[in-house]
Amino acid sequence: MTFTEELRMEADPIFEAIFQHPFVKGIETGTLKPEQLIHYVKQDFEYLNTFIQIYGLAISRCEKREDMRLFHDKMAFILNEEIHPHNNFCEVAGVNYDELQYEPLAPTALNYTRHMLDVANKGRIGEILAVLLPCPWTYYEIGVYLKNKLNVQEDHPFYEWITFYASTEGTGQFRNRLDEYAETASDAEKKRMKDAFLKSCQLELMFWEMAFTEETWPVKL
């Protein structure tokens, strides 16, 4: 069993909780409120900005061009492709995507981005790969889960969102590279990689909860 297979097995209860979360269920049934979709897009736009910044940090740490290319390509994917599922949510909510950008982070989103930045600033490339991997991995599996369960057709309100992530298997390179790092990593480093991965998985679940409940700071200023 590879290192990433071990990670996926240990994180399975979190993945299952994500599949059953009310927000993901709302994507499945097409019953999410516009306010929930809007809150998700606002927070995810800012979250993905942090993701891009971490790719830049990772490139500055790389010694091999294959790693530089990997992070560069993933950065380009967010900038050029991942706007499509956001636009799907905005179309259903009846809002303009440009109006939902550069909003303050809610507590959970702030916690998640700071977790990733902390690992990226202190860790090695293997740890950076591990802390980033749950986002694309969980989204891909959500997409496949919903596509297969629904046999989704174009008349579904979230057809574009579901099919986008179900067809975006972008984790293979991440997993392969992380497995390669794990082969020569010390036990202490592998533990840090596992801890970073599992915490990101937990925060992925909490991100869905944040969007569903439209989480904000307790006192409005």
C-alpha atoms as a PDB file:
ATOM      1  CA  MET A   1       0.000   0.000   0.000  1.00  0.00           C
ATOM      2  CA  THR A   2       1.373   3.404  -0.977  1.00  0.00           C
ATOM      3  CA  PHE A   3       1.602   6.332   1.412  1.00  0.00           C
ATOM      4  CA  THR A   4      -1.311   8.174  -0.218  1.00  0.00           C
ATOM      5  CA  GLU A   5      -3.415   5.001  -0.163  1.00  0.00           C
ATOM      6  CA  GLU A   6      -2.799   4.861   3.577  1.00  0.00           C
ATOM      7  CA  LEU A   7      -3.816   8.509   3.877  1.00  0.00           C
ATOM      8  CA  ARG A   8      -7.028   7.918   1.930  1.00  0.00           C
ATOM      9  CA  MET A   9      -7.915   4.877   4.047  1.00  0.00           C
ATOM     10  CA  GLU A  10      -7.378   6.779   7.295  1.00  0.00           C
ATOM     11  CA  ALA A  11      -9.374   9.751   6.015  1.00  0.00           C
ATOM     12  CA  ASP A  12     -12.263   7.631   4.737  1.00  0.00           C
ATOM     13  CA  PRO A  13     -14.683   8.595   7.561  1.00  0.00           C
ATOM     14  CA  ILE A  14     -14.108  12.257   6.700  1.00  0.00           C
ATOM     15  CA  PHE A  15     -14.688  11.640   2.987  1.00  0.00           C
ATOM     16  CA  GLU A  16     -17.914   9.795   3.804  1.00  0.00           C
ATOM     17  CA  ALA A  17     -19.052  12.660   6.039  1.00  0.00           C
ATOM     18  CA  ILE A  18     -18.403  15.076   3.165  1.00  0.00           C
ATOM     19  CA  PHE A  19     -20.477  12.974   0.753  1.00  0.00           C
ATOM     20  CA  GLN A  20     -23.371  13.061   3.238  1.00  0.00           C
ATOM     21  CA  HIS A  21     -23.057  16.717   4.218  1.00  0.00           C
ATOM     22  CA  PRO A  22     -26.222  18.829   3.718  1.00  0.00           C
ATOM     23  CA  PHE A  23     -24.459  21.215   1.309  1.00  0.00           C
ATOM     24  CA  VAL A  24     -23.287  18.345  -0.908  1.00  0.00           C
ATOM     25  CA  LYS A  25     -26.769  16.833  -0.597  1.00  0.00           C
ATOM     26  CA  GLY A  26     -28.103  20.216  -1.704  1.00  0.00           C
ATOM     27  CA  ILE A  27     -25.937  20.058  -4.811  1.00  0.00           C
ATOM     28  CA  GLU A  28     -27.330  16.577  -5.432  1.00  0.00           C
ATOM     29  CA  THR A  29     -30.970  17.653  -5.107  1.00  0.00           C
ATOM     30  CA  GLY A  30     -30.556  21.147  -6.539  1.00  0.00           C
ATOM     31  CA  THR A  31     -32.159  22.669  -3.444  1.00  0.00           C
ATOM     32  CA  LEU A  32     -29.488  24.998  -2.082  1.00  0.00           C
ATOM     33  CA  LYS A  33     -30.579  28.544  -1.264  1.00  0.00           C
ATOM     34  CA  PRO A  34     -29.063  31.406  -3.296  1.00  0.00           C
ATOM     35  CA  GLU A  35     -27.566  32.807  -0.069  1.00  0.00           C
ATOM     36  CA  GLN A  36     -25.705  29.551   0.576  1.00  0.00           C
ATOM     37  CA  LEU A  37     -24.309  29.463  -2.954  1.00  0.00           C
ATOM     38  CA  ILE A  38     -23.253  33.093  -2.717  1.00  0.00           C
ATOM     39  CA  HIS A  39     -21.530  32.570   0.632  1.00  0.00           C
ATOM     40  CA  TYR A  40     -19.691  29.534  -0.736  1.00  0.00           C
ATOM     41  CA  VAL A  41     -18.442  31.384  -3.827  1.00  0.00           C
ATOM     42  CA  LYS A  42     -17.296  34.397  -1.811  1.00  0.00           C
ATOM     43  CA  GLN A  43     -15.287  32.219   0.553  1.00  0.00           C
ATOM     44  CA  ASP A  44     -13.954  29.809  -2.062  1.00  0.00           C
ATOM     45  CA  PHE A  45     -12.680  32.649  -4.248  1.00  0.00           C
ATOM     46  CA  GLU A  46     -10.551  33.902  -1.366  1.00  0.00           C
ATOM     47  CA  TYR A  47      -9.551  30.380  -0.346  1.00  0.00           C
ATOM     48  CA  LEU A  48      -8.312  29.657  -3.872  1.00  0.00           C
ATOM     49  CA  ASN A  49      -6.318  32.892  -3.874  1.00  0.00           C
ATOM     50  CA  THR A  50      -4.410  31.459  -0.921  1.00  0.00           C
ATOM     51  CA  PHE A  51      -4.005  28.180  -2.801  1.00  0.00           C
ATOM     52  CA  ILE A  52      -2.368  30.084  -5.677  1.00  0.00           C
ATOM     53  CA  GLN A  53      -0.048  31.883  -3.266  1.00  0.00           C
ATOM     54  CA  ILE A  54       1.016  28.554  -1.764  1.00  0.00           C
ATOM     55  CA  TYR A  55       1.793  27.196  -5.221  1.00  0.00           C
ATOM     56  CA  GLY A  56       4.100  30.199  -5.621  1.00  0.00           C
ATOM     57  CA  LEU A  57       5.767  29.457  -2.286  1.00  0.00           C
ATOM     58  CA  ALA A  58       6.171  25.834  -3.315  1.00  0.00           C
ATOM     59  CA  ILE A  59       7.821  26.778  -6.615  1.00  0.00           C
ATOM     60  CA  SER A  60      10.357  28.885  -4.709  1.00  0.00           C
ATOM     61  CA  ARG A  61      11.295  25.761  -2.690  1.00  0.00           C
ATOM     62  CA  CYS A  62      11.543  23.367  -5.635  1.00  0.00           C
ATOM     63  CA  GLU A  63      14.858  21.953  -6.747  1.00  0.00           C
ATOM     64  CA  LYS A  64      13.495  19.959  -9.678  1.00  0.00           C
ATOM     65  CA  ARG A  65      11.812  21.376 -12.742  1.00  0.00           C
ATOM     66  CA  GLU A  66       9.229  18.597 -12.730  1.00  0.00           C
ATOM     67  CA  ASP A  67       8.000  19.915  -9.376  1.00  0.00           C
ATOM     68  CA  MET A  68       8.063  23.506 -10.645  1.00  0.00           C
ATOM     69  CA  ARG A  69       5.977  22.458 -13.640  1.00  0.00           C
ATOM     70  CA  LEU A  70       3.512  20.585 -11.454  1.00  0.00           C
ATOM     71  CA  PHE A  71       2.812  23.595  -9.231  1.00  0.00           C
ATOM     72  CA  HIS A  72       2.807  25.977 -12.215  1.00  0.00           C
ATOM     73  CA  ASP A  73       0.221  23.872 -14.051  1.00  0.00           C
ATOM     74  CA  LYS A  74      -1.989  23.628 -10.951  1.00  0.00           C
ATOM     75  CA  MET A  75      -1.792  27.390 -10.521  1.00  0.00           C
ATOM     76  CA  ALA A  76      -2.898  27.899 -14.128  1.00  0.00           C
ATOM     77  CA  PHE A  77      -5.784  25.474 -13.597  1.00  0.00           C
ATOM     78  CA  ILE A  78      -7.222  27.577 -10.769  1.00  0.00           C
ATOM     79  CA  LEU A  79      -6.766  30.834 -12.666  1.00  0.00           C
ATOM     80  CA  ASN A  80      -8.189  29.632 -15.971  1.00  0.00           C
ATOM     81  CA  GLU A  81     -10.470  26.664 -15.334  1.00  0.00           C
ATOM     82  CA  GLU A  82     -11.866  26.673 -11.803  1.00  0.00           C
ATOM     83  CA  ILE A  83     -13.933  29.764 -12.532  1.00  0.00           C
ATOM     84  CA  HIS A  84     -16.421  27.506 -14.377  1.00  0.00           C
ATOM     85  CA  PRO A  85     -17.951  25.760 -11.337  1.00  0.00           C
ATOM     86  CA  HIS A  86     -18.101  29.120  -9.560  1.00  0.00           C
ATOM     87  CA  ASN A  87     -20.019  30.548 -12.511  1.00  0.00           C
ATOM     88  CA  ASN A  88     -22.455  27.618 -12.359  1.00  0.00           C
ATOM     89  CA  PHE A  89     -23.277  28.434  -8.720  1.00  0.00           C
ATOM     90  CA  CYS A  90     -23.616  32.135  -9.585  1.00  0.00           C
ATOM     91  CA  GLU A  91     -25.968  31.424 -12.486  1.00  0.00           C
ATOM     92  CA  VAL A  92     -28.229  29.338 -10.247  1.00  0.00           C
ATOM     93  CA  ALA A  93     -28.122  32.023  -7.523  1.00  0.00           C
ATOM     94  CA  GLY A  94     -28.851  34.769 -10.062  1.00  0.00           C
ATOM     95  CA  VAL A  95     -25.802  36.881  -9.280  1.00  0.00           C
ATOM     96  CA  ASN A  96     -22.745  38.218 -11.081  1.00  0.00           C
ATOM     97  CA  TYR A  97     -19.514  36.394 -10.238  1.00  0.00           C
ATOM     98  CA  ASP A  98     -17.475  39.615 -10.323  1.00  0.00           C
ATOM     99  CA  GLU A  99     -19.547  41.007  -7.457  1.00  0.00           C
ATOM    100  CA  LEU A 100     -18.612  38.148  -5.114  1.00  0.00           C
ATOM    101  CA  GLN A 101     -14.844  38.538  -5.162  1.00  0.00           C
ATOM    102  CA  TYR A 102     -12.391  39.841  -2.575  1.00  0.00           C
ATOM    103  CA  GLU A 103     -14.645  39.380   0.442  1.00  0.00           C
ATOM    104  CA  PRO A 104     -13.365  38.958   4.044  1.00  0.00           C
ATOM    105  CA  LEU A 105     -12.754  35.379   5.112  1.00  0.00           C
ATOM    106  CA  ALA A 106     -15.210  33.737   7.498  1.00  0.00           C
ATOM    107  CA  PRO A 107     -13.696  32.058  10.604  1.00  0.00           C
ATOM    108  CA  THR A 108     -13.507  28.550   9.120  1.00  0.00           C
ATOM    109  CA  ALA A 109     -12.058  29.735   5.819  1.00  0.00           C
ATOM    110  CA  LEU A 110      -9.503  31.832   7.685  1.00  0.00           C
ATOM    111  CA  ASN A 111      -8.545  28.837   9.837  1.00  0.00           C
ATOM    112  CA  TYR A 112      -8.145  26.616   6.772  1.00  0.00           C
ATOM    113  CA  THR A 113      -6.026  29.084   4.791  1.00  0.00           C
ATOM    114  CA  ARG A 114      -3.792  29.781   7.798  1.00  0.00           C
ATOM    115  CA  HIS A 115      -3.305  26.051   8.338  1.00  0.00           C
ATOM    116  CA  MET A 116      -2.117  25.687   4.742  1.00  0.00           C
ATOM    117  CA  LEU A 117       0.094  28.757   4.896  1.00  0.00           C
ATOM    118  CA  ASP A 118       1.653  27.590   8.160  1.00  0.00           C
ATOM    119  CA  VAL A 119       2.597  24.237   6.640  1.00  0.00           C
ATOM    120  CA  ALA A 120       3.805  25.891   3.429  1.00  0.00           C
ATOM    121  CA  ASN A 121       6.032  28.347   5.282  1.00  0.00           C
ATOM    122  CA  LYS A 122       7.547  25.774   7.631  1.00  0.00           C
ATOM    123  CA  GLY A 123       7.439  22.497   5.738  1.00  0.00           C
ATOM    124  CA  ARG A 124       9.235  20.790   2.920  1.00  0.00           C
ATOM    125  CA  ILE A 125       7.755  19.997  -0.505  1.00  0.00           C
ATOM    126  CA  GLY A 126       6.224  16.721   0.682  1.00  0.00           C
ATOM    127  CA  GLU A 127       4.370  18.515   3.465  1.00  0.00           C
ATOM    128  CA  ILE A 128       3.126  21.183   1.055  1.00  0.00           C
ATOM    129  CA  LEU A 129       1.812  18.498  -1.284  1.00  0.00           C
ATOM    130  CA  ALA A 130       0.101  16.779   1.647  1.00  0.00           C
ATOM    131  CA  VAL A 131      -1.612  19.902   2.972  1.00  0.00           C
ATOM    132  CA  LEU A 132      -2.945  20.843  -0.493  1.00  0.00           C
ATOM    133  CA  LEU A 133      -4.020  17.390  -1.681  1.00  0.00           C
ATOM    134  CA  PRO A 134      -7.366  17.050   0.166  1.00  0.00           C
ATOM    135  CA  CYS A 135      -8.970  19.917  -1.740  1.00  0.00           C
ATOM    136  CA  PRO A 136      -8.655  18.495  -5.278  1.00  0.00           C
ATOM    137  CA  TRP A 137      -9.024  14.927  -4.045  1.00  0.00           C
ATOM    138  CA  THR A 138     -12.296  15.446  -2.147  1.00  0.00           C
ATOM    139  CA  TYR A 139     -13.796  17.536  -4.949  1.00  0.00           C
ATOM    140  CA  TYR A 140     -12.963  14.912  -7.549  1.00  0.00           C
ATOM    141  CA  GLU A 141     -14.557  12.184  -5.457  1.00  0.00           C
ATOM    142  CA  ILE A 142     -17.635  14.333  -4.769  1.00  0.00           C
ATOM    143  CA  GLY A 143     -18.028  14.899  -8.500  1.00  0.00           C
ATOM    144  CA  VAL A 144     -17.709  11.186  -9.309  1.00  0.00           C
ATOM    145  CA  TYR A 145     -20.036  10.236  -6.442  1.00  0.00           C
ATOM    146  CA  LEU A 146     -22.773  12.627  -7.585  1.00  0.00           C
ATOM    147  CA  LYS A 147     -22.366  11.900 -11.287  1.00  0.00           C
ATOM    148  CA  ASN A 148     -22.667   8.147 -10.761  1.00  0.00           C
ATOM    149  CA  LYS A 149     -25.478   8.380  -8.208  1.00  0.00           C
ATOM    150  CA  LEU A 150     -27.592  10.727 -10.312  1.00  0.00           C
ATOM    151  CA  ASN A 151     -26.616   9.643 -13.812  1.00  0.00           C
ATOM    152  CA  VAL A 152     -26.627  13.429 -14.074  1.00  0.00           C
ATOM    153  CA  GLN A 153     -28.199  15.052 -17.132  1.00  0.00           C
ATOM    154  CA  GLU A 154     -27.856  18.569 -18.541  1.00  0.00           C
ATOM    155  CA  ASP A 155     -31.176  19.698 -17.047  1.00  0.00           C
ATOM    156  CA  HIS A 156     -29.768  19.352 -13.519  1.00  0.00           C
ATOM    157  CA  PRO A 157     -29.063  22.867 -12.141  1.00  0.00           C
ATOM    158  CA  PHE A 158     -25.561  21.850 -11.052  1.00  0.00           C
ATOM    159  CA  TYR A 159     -24.728  19.703 -14.071  1.00  0.00           C
ATOM    160  CA  GLU A 160     -21.690  21.848 -14.941  1.00  0.00           C
ATOM    161  CA  TRP A 161     -20.346  21.799 -11.382  1.00  0.00           C
ATOM    162  CA  ILE A 162     -20.733  18.030 -11.026  1.00  0.00           C
ATOM    163  CA  THR A 163     -19.317  17.107 -14.428  1.00  0.00           C
ATOM    164  CA  PHE A 164     -16.447  19.595 -14.088  1.00  0.00           C
ATOM    165  CA  TYR A 165     -15.132  17.990 -10.919  1.00  0.00           C
ATOM    166  CA  ALA A 166     -15.992  14.431 -11.956  1.00  0.00           C
ATOM    167  CA  SER A 167     -13.855  14.841 -15.082  1.00  0.00           C
ATOM    168  CA  THR A 168     -11.013  16.691 -13.362  1.00  0.00           C
ATOM    169  CA  GLU A 169      -8.772  13.938 -12.037  1.00  0.00           C
ATOM    170  CA  GLY A 170      -5.944  16.247 -11.128  1.00  0.00           C
ATOM    171  CA  THR A 171      -4.724  14.385  -8.074  1.00  0.00           C
ATOM    172  CA  GLY A 172      -2.723  11.642  -9.771  1.00  0.00           C
ATOM    173  CA  GLN A 173       0.428  13.716 -10.164  1.00  0.00           C
ATOM    174  CA  PHE A 174       0.081  15.053  -6.624  1.00  0.00           C
ATOM    175  CA  ARG A 175      -0.314  11.574  -5.194  1.00  0.00           C
ATOM    176  CA  ASN A 176       2.545  10.104  -7.199  1.00  0.00           C
ATOM    177  CA  ARG A 177       4.905  12.890  -6.187  1.00  0.00           C
ATOM    178  CA  LEU A 178       3.870  12.647  -2.533  1.00  0.00           C
ATOM    179  CA  ASP A 179       4.428   8.887  -2.621  1.00  0.00           C
ATOM    180  CA  GLU A 180       7.909   9.484  -4.002  1.00  0.00           C
ATOM    181  CA  TYR A 181       8.721  11.936  -1.204  1.00  0.00           C
ATOM    182  CA  ALA A 182       7.383   9.528   1.390  1.00  0.00           C
ATOM    183  CA  GLU A 183       9.770   6.789   0.221  1.00  0.00           C
ATOM    184  CA  THR A 184      12.793   8.724   1.499  1.00  0.00           C
ATOM    185  CA  ALA A 185      11.143  10.794   4.253  1.00  0.00           C
ATOM    186  CA  SER A 186      11.910  10.195   7.913  1.00  0.00           C
ATOM    187  CA  ASP A 187       9.201   8.890  10.210  1.00  0.00           C
ATOM    188  CA  ALA A 188       8.893  12.348  11.729  1.00  0.00           C
ATOM    189  CA  GLU A 189       8.411  13.955   8.320  1.00  0.00           C
ATOM    190  CA  LYS A 190       5.842  11.350   7.276  1.00  0.00           C
ATOM    191  CA  LYS A 191       3.939  12.050  10.476  1.00  0.00           C
ATOM    192  CA  ARG A 192       3.922  15.770   9.674  1.00  0.00           C
ATOM    193  CA  MET A 193       2.682  15.007   6.160  1.00  0.00           C
ATOM    194  CA  LYS A 194      -0.099  12.792   7.521  1.00  0.00           C
ATOM    195  CA  ASP A 195      -1.112  15.350  10.138  1.00  0.00           C
ATOM    196  CA  ALA A 196      -1.238  18.117   7.519  1.00  0.00           C
ATOM    197  CA  PHE A 197      -3.315  15.959   5.171  1.00  0.00           C
ATOM    198  CA  LEU A 198      -5.828  14.839   7.785  1.00  0.00           C
ATOM    199  CA  LYS A 199      -6.308  18.329   9.191  1.00  0.00           C
ATOM    200  CA  SER A 200      -6.970  19.635   5.685  1.00  0.00           C
ATOM    201  CA  CYS A 201      -9.546  16.861   5.203  1.00  0.00           C
ATOM    202  CA  GLN A 202     -11.293  17.900   8.410  1.00  0.00           C
ATOM    203  CA  LEU A 203     -11.245  21.529   7.301  1.00  0.00           C
ATOM    204  CA  GLU A 204     -12.714  20.576   3.917  1.00  0.00           C
ATOM    205  CA  LEU A 205     -15.696  19.151   5.793  1.00  0.00           C
ATOM    206  CA  MET A 206     -15.894  22.268   7.960  1.00  0.00           C
ATOM    207  CA  PHE A 207     -15.761  24.470   4.833  1.00  0.00           C
ATOM    208  CA  TRP A 208     -18.966  22.840   3.561  1.00  0.00           C
ATOM    209  CA  GLU A 209     -20.568  23.436   6.944  1.00  0.00           C
ATOM    210  CA  MET A 210     -19.433  27.060   6.859  1.00  0.00           C
ATOM    211  CA  ALA A 211     -21.107  27.538   3.473  1.00  0.00           C
ATOM    212  CA  PHE A 212     -24.295  25.721   4.476  1.00  0.00           C
ATOM    213  CA  THR A 213     -24.784  27.736   7.674  1.00  0.00           C
ATOM    214  CA  GLU A 214     -23.546  30.963   6.036  1.00  0.00           C
ATOM    215  CA  GLU A 215     -21.026  31.314   8.848  1.00  0.00           C
ATOM    216  CA  THR A 216     -19.873  34.810   9.752  1.00  0.00           C
ATOM    217  CA  TRP A 217     -18.026  36.420  12.640  1.00  0.00           C
ATOM    218  CA  PRO A 218     -20.097  36.518  15.874  1.00  0.00           C
ATOM    219  CA  VAL A 219     -20.231  40.311  16.149  1.00  0.00           C
ATOM    220  CA  LYS A 220     -20.965  42.433  13.093  1.00  0.00           C
ATOM    221  CA  LEU A 221     -18.869  45.585  12.886  1.00  0.00           C
END
